[in-house]
Amino acid sequence: MRRRRHPLGHLTLAVGLIASSVAGAAGDFSAGKDKARQCAVCHGLDGVAKRPDVPNIAGESAMYLTKQLRDFRSGERRHEQMAIIAGALSDDDIADLAAYYASIEFTVRVPGF
C-alpha cells in the first residue's frame, strides 16, 4: 500500500523551519530584563518609547523583535543608532531581550469605547 502525502506537508515543514530559525532559541526573561537597561534610554525599561520618533516595543512578539534586531545587526534594516547597538548583541542577547519585551503586557484603549 502506498502512503499518500499531504499536499501541504512540505510547506508546513518549511514554514516551521523558517519560523524556528527566525525566532531562535527561547530567551531568558531575567537576563533580558538586565540587558534591557541599554534599551531603556529610548524604548524605556517598560518598552514604552520615551521619544516620539522611537517605536514602542512592549508586548511585541519575540519572533518579531528577534527578526528586527538581527536585521539591524546584519544591515538588512538600516538605522544608525540601532546598527551600533544591535551590532554588539549576540544571538543569546537578542533572544533574551526579545523574551523580556515580549513578556510585557501592553494594552491599547480606543477613544470613545
C-alpha atoms as a PDB file:
ATOM      1  CA  MET A   1       0.000   0.000   0.000  1.00  0.00           C
ATOM      2  CA  ARG A   2       1.390   3.354  -1.000  1.00  0.00           C
ATOM      3  CA  ARG A   3       1.300   6.135   1.554  1.00  0.00           C
ATOM      4  CA  ARG A   4      -0.256   9.399   0.404  1.00  0.00           C
ATOM      5  CA  ARG A   5       1.473  12.631   1.237  1.00  0.00           C
ATOM      6  CA  HIS A   6      -0.412  15.604   2.477  1.00  0.00           C
ATOM      7  CA  PRO A   7      -0.204  18.359  -0.188  1.00  0.00           C
ATOM      8  CA  LEU A   8       0.764  20.976   2.386  1.00  0.00           C
ATOM      9  CA  GLY A   9       3.142  18.757   4.324  1.00  0.00           C
ATOM     10  CA  HIS A  10       6.329  20.167   2.810  1.00  0.00           C
ATOM     11  CA  LEU A  11       5.025  23.722   3.047  1.00  0.00           C
ATOM     12  CA  THR A  12       4.156  23.266   6.717  1.00  0.00           C
ATOM     13  CA  LEU A  13       7.604  21.870   7.415  1.00  0.00           C
ATOM     14  CA  ALA A  14       9.292  24.731   5.542  1.00  0.00           C
ATOM     15  CA  VAL A  15       7.300  27.393   7.394  1.00  0.00           C
ATOM     16  CA  GLY A  16       8.125  25.747  10.715  1.00  0.00           C
ATOM     17  CA  LEU A  17      11.838  25.658   9.928  1.00  0.00           C
ATOM     18  CA  ILE A  18      11.846  29.300   8.843  1.00  0.00           C
ATOM     19  CA  ALA A  19       9.971  30.395  11.961  1.00  0.00           C
ATOM     20  CA  SER A  20      12.328  28.499  14.239  1.00  0.00           C
ATOM     21  CA  SER A  21      15.397  29.940  12.538  1.00  0.00           C
ATOM     22  CA  VAL A  22      13.996  33.471  12.856  1.00  0.00           C
ATOM     23  CA  ALA A  23      12.925  33.068  16.451  1.00  0.00           C
ATOM     24  CA  GLY A  24      15.989  31.140  17.558  1.00  0.00           C
ATOM     25  CA  ALA A  25      16.117  29.597  20.971  1.00  0.00           C
ATOM     26  CA  ALA A  26      13.808  30.887  23.651  1.00  0.00           C
ATOM     27  CA  GLY A  27      15.450  33.660  25.586  1.00  0.00           C
ATOM     28  CA  ASP A  28      15.872  34.145  29.303  1.00  0.00           C
ATOM     29  CA  PHE A  29      13.418  36.714  30.673  1.00  0.00           C
ATOM     30  CA  SER A  30      15.595  37.690  33.669  1.00  0.00           C
ATOM     31  CA  ALA A  31      18.733  38.109  31.574  1.00  0.00           C
ATOM     32  CA  GLY A  32      16.701  40.149  29.081  1.00  0.00           C
ATOM     33  CA  LYS A  33      15.473  42.466  31.823  1.00  0.00           C
ATOM     34  CA  ASP A  34      19.067  43.144  32.888  1.00  0.00           C
ATOM     35  CA  LYS A  35      20.169  43.715  29.272  1.00  0.00           C
ATOM     36  CA  ALA A  36      17.193  45.999  28.606  1.00  0.00           C
ATOM     37  CA  ARG A  37      18.856  48.757  30.617  1.00  0.00           C
ATOM     38  CA  GLN A  38      20.794  49.687  27.475  1.00  0.00           C
ATOM     39  CA  CYS A  39      17.493  49.981  25.570  1.00  0.00           C
ATOM     40  CA  ALA A  40      15.725  51.972  28.273  1.00  0.00           C
ATOM     41  CA  VAL A  41      17.068  55.366  27.193  1.00  0.00           C
ATOM     42  CA  CYS A  42      14.924  55.278  24.041  1.00  0.00           C
ATOM     43  CA  HIS A  43      12.473  52.386  24.442  1.00  0.00           C
ATOM     44  CA  GLY A  44      12.052  52.529  28.202  1.00  0.00           C
ATOM     45  CA  LEU A  45      12.593  49.603  30.552  1.00  0.00           C
ATOM     46  CA  ASP A  46       8.857  49.012  30.177  1.00  0.00           C
ATOM     47  CA  GLY A  47       9.081  49.031  26.360  1.00  0.00           C
ATOM     48  CA  VAL A  48       7.139  52.269  26.029  1.00  0.00           C
ATOM     49  CA  ALA A  49       9.159  54.765  23.995  1.00  0.00           C
ATOM     50  CA  LYS A  50      10.374  57.899  25.692  1.00  0.00           C
ATOM     51  CA  ARG A  51      10.723  59.851  22.432  1.00  0.00           C
ATOM     52  CA  PRO A  52       8.114  60.382  19.697  1.00  0.00           C
ATOM     53  CA  ASP A  53      10.428  59.081  16.941  1.00  0.00           C
ATOM     54  CA  VAL A  54      11.046  55.729  18.677  1.00  0.00           C
ATOM     55  CA  PRO A  55       8.627  52.785  18.495  1.00  0.00           C
ATOM     56  CA  ASN A  56       7.041  51.105  21.488  1.00  0.00           C
ATOM     57  CA  ILE A  57       8.272  47.519  21.748  1.00  0.00           C
ATOM     58  CA  ALA A  58       6.360  46.335  24.827  1.00  0.00           C
ATOM     59  CA  GLY A  59       4.260  43.300  24.036  1.00  0.00           C
ATOM     60  CA  GLU A  60       5.652  42.764  20.538  1.00  0.00           C
ATOM     61  CA  SER A  61       6.149  39.112  19.657  1.00  0.00           C
ATOM     62  CA  ALA A  62       9.542  37.605  20.416  1.00  0.00           C
ATOM     63  CA  MET A  63       9.754  36.443  16.811  1.00  0.00           C
ATOM     64  CA  TYR A  64       9.233  39.995  15.508  1.00  0.00           C
ATOM     65  CA  LEU A  65      11.733  41.531  17.945  1.00  0.00           C
ATOM     66  CA  THR A  66      14.317  38.859  17.168  1.00  0.00           C
ATOM     67  CA  LYS A  67      13.995  39.429  13.433  1.00  0.00           C
ATOM     68  CA  GLN A  68      14.265  43.206  13.751  1.00  0.00           C
ATOM     69  CA  LEU A  69      17.359  43.064  15.961  1.00  0.00           C
ATOM     70  CA  ARG A  70      19.031  40.531  13.673  1.00  0.00           C
ATOM     71  CA  ASP A  71      18.186  42.688  10.651  1.00  0.00           C
ATOM     72  CA  PHE A  72      19.692  45.779  12.322  1.00  0.00           C
ATOM     73  CA  ARG A  73      22.773  43.756  13.225  1.00  0.00           C
ATOM     74  CA  SER A  74      23.239  42.423   9.689  1.00  0.00           C
ATOM     75  CA  GLY A  75      22.488  45.721   7.960  1.00  0.00           C
ATOM     76  CA  GLU A  76      19.336  44.319   6.326  1.00  0.00           C
ATOM     77  CA  ARG A  77      17.431  47.029   8.185  1.00  0.00           C
ATOM     78  CA  ARG A  78      19.170  50.386   8.481  1.00  0.00           C
ATOM     79  CA  HIS A  79      19.198  52.765  11.383  1.00  0.00           C
ATOM     80  CA  GLU A  80      22.474  54.315  12.523  1.00  0.00           C
ATOM     81  CA  GLN A  81      21.923  54.021  16.280  1.00  0.00           C
ATOM     82  CA  MET A  82      20.257  50.595  16.173  1.00  0.00           C
ATOM     83  CA  ALA A  83      23.000  49.206  13.917  1.00  0.00           C
ATOM     84  CA  ILE A  84      25.581  50.135  16.553  1.00  0.00           C
ATOM     85  CA  ILE A  85      23.538  48.701  19.416  1.00  0.00           C
ATOM     86  CA  ALA A  86      22.453  45.512  17.634  1.00  0.00           C
ATOM     87  CA  GLY A  87      25.934  45.003  16.221  1.00  0.00           C
ATOM     88  CA  ALA A  88      27.187  44.370  19.741  1.00  0.00           C
ATOM     89  CA  LEU A  89      24.456  41.826  20.556  1.00  0.00           C
ATOM     90  CA  SER A  90      24.963  38.063  20.411  1.00  0.00           C
ATOM     91  CA  ASP A  91      22.162  35.709  19.377  1.00  0.00           C
ATOM     92  CA  ASP A  92      21.628  34.945  23.086  1.00  0.00           C
ATOM     93  CA  ASP A  93      21.416  38.662  23.909  1.00  0.00           C
ATOM     94  CA  ILE A  94      18.810  39.126  21.195  1.00  0.00           C
ATOM     95  CA  ALA A  95      16.795  36.118  22.380  1.00  0.00           C
ATOM     96  CA  ASP A  96      16.906  37.385  25.976  1.00  0.00           C
ATOM     97  CA  LEU A  97      15.804  40.913  25.033  1.00  0.00           C
ATOM     98  CA  ALA A  98      13.027  39.560  22.829  1.00  0.00           C
ATOM     99  CA  ALA A  99      11.803  37.293  25.639  1.00  0.00           C
ATOM    100  CA  TYR A 100      11.760  40.185  28.081  1.00  0.00           C
ATOM    101  CA  TYR A 101       9.989  42.771  25.920  1.00  0.00           C
ATOM    102  CA  ALA A 102       7.536  40.172  24.540  1.00  0.00           C
ATOM    103  CA  SER A 103       6.529  39.269  28.103  1.00  0.00           C
ATOM    104  CA  ILE A 104       5.375  42.803  28.901  1.00  0.00           C
ATOM    105  CA  GLU A 105       1.620  43.150  28.750  1.00  0.00           C
ATOM    106  CA  PHE A 106       0.620  46.185  26.752  1.00  0.00           C
ATOM    107  CA  THR A 107      -2.986  47.233  26.284  1.00  0.00           C
ATOM    108  CA  VAL A 108      -4.471  49.778  23.956  1.00  0.00           C
ATOM    109  CA  ARG A 109      -7.740  51.564  24.511  1.00  0.00           C
ATOM    110  CA  VAL A 110      -9.546  53.106  21.575  1.00  0.00           C
ATOM    111  CA  PRO A 111     -11.032  56.510  22.488  1.00  0.00           C
ATOM    112  CA  GLY A 112     -14.796  56.572  22.830  1.00  0.00           C
ATOM    113  CA  PHE A 113     -15.221  52.862  23.553  1.00  0.00           C
END
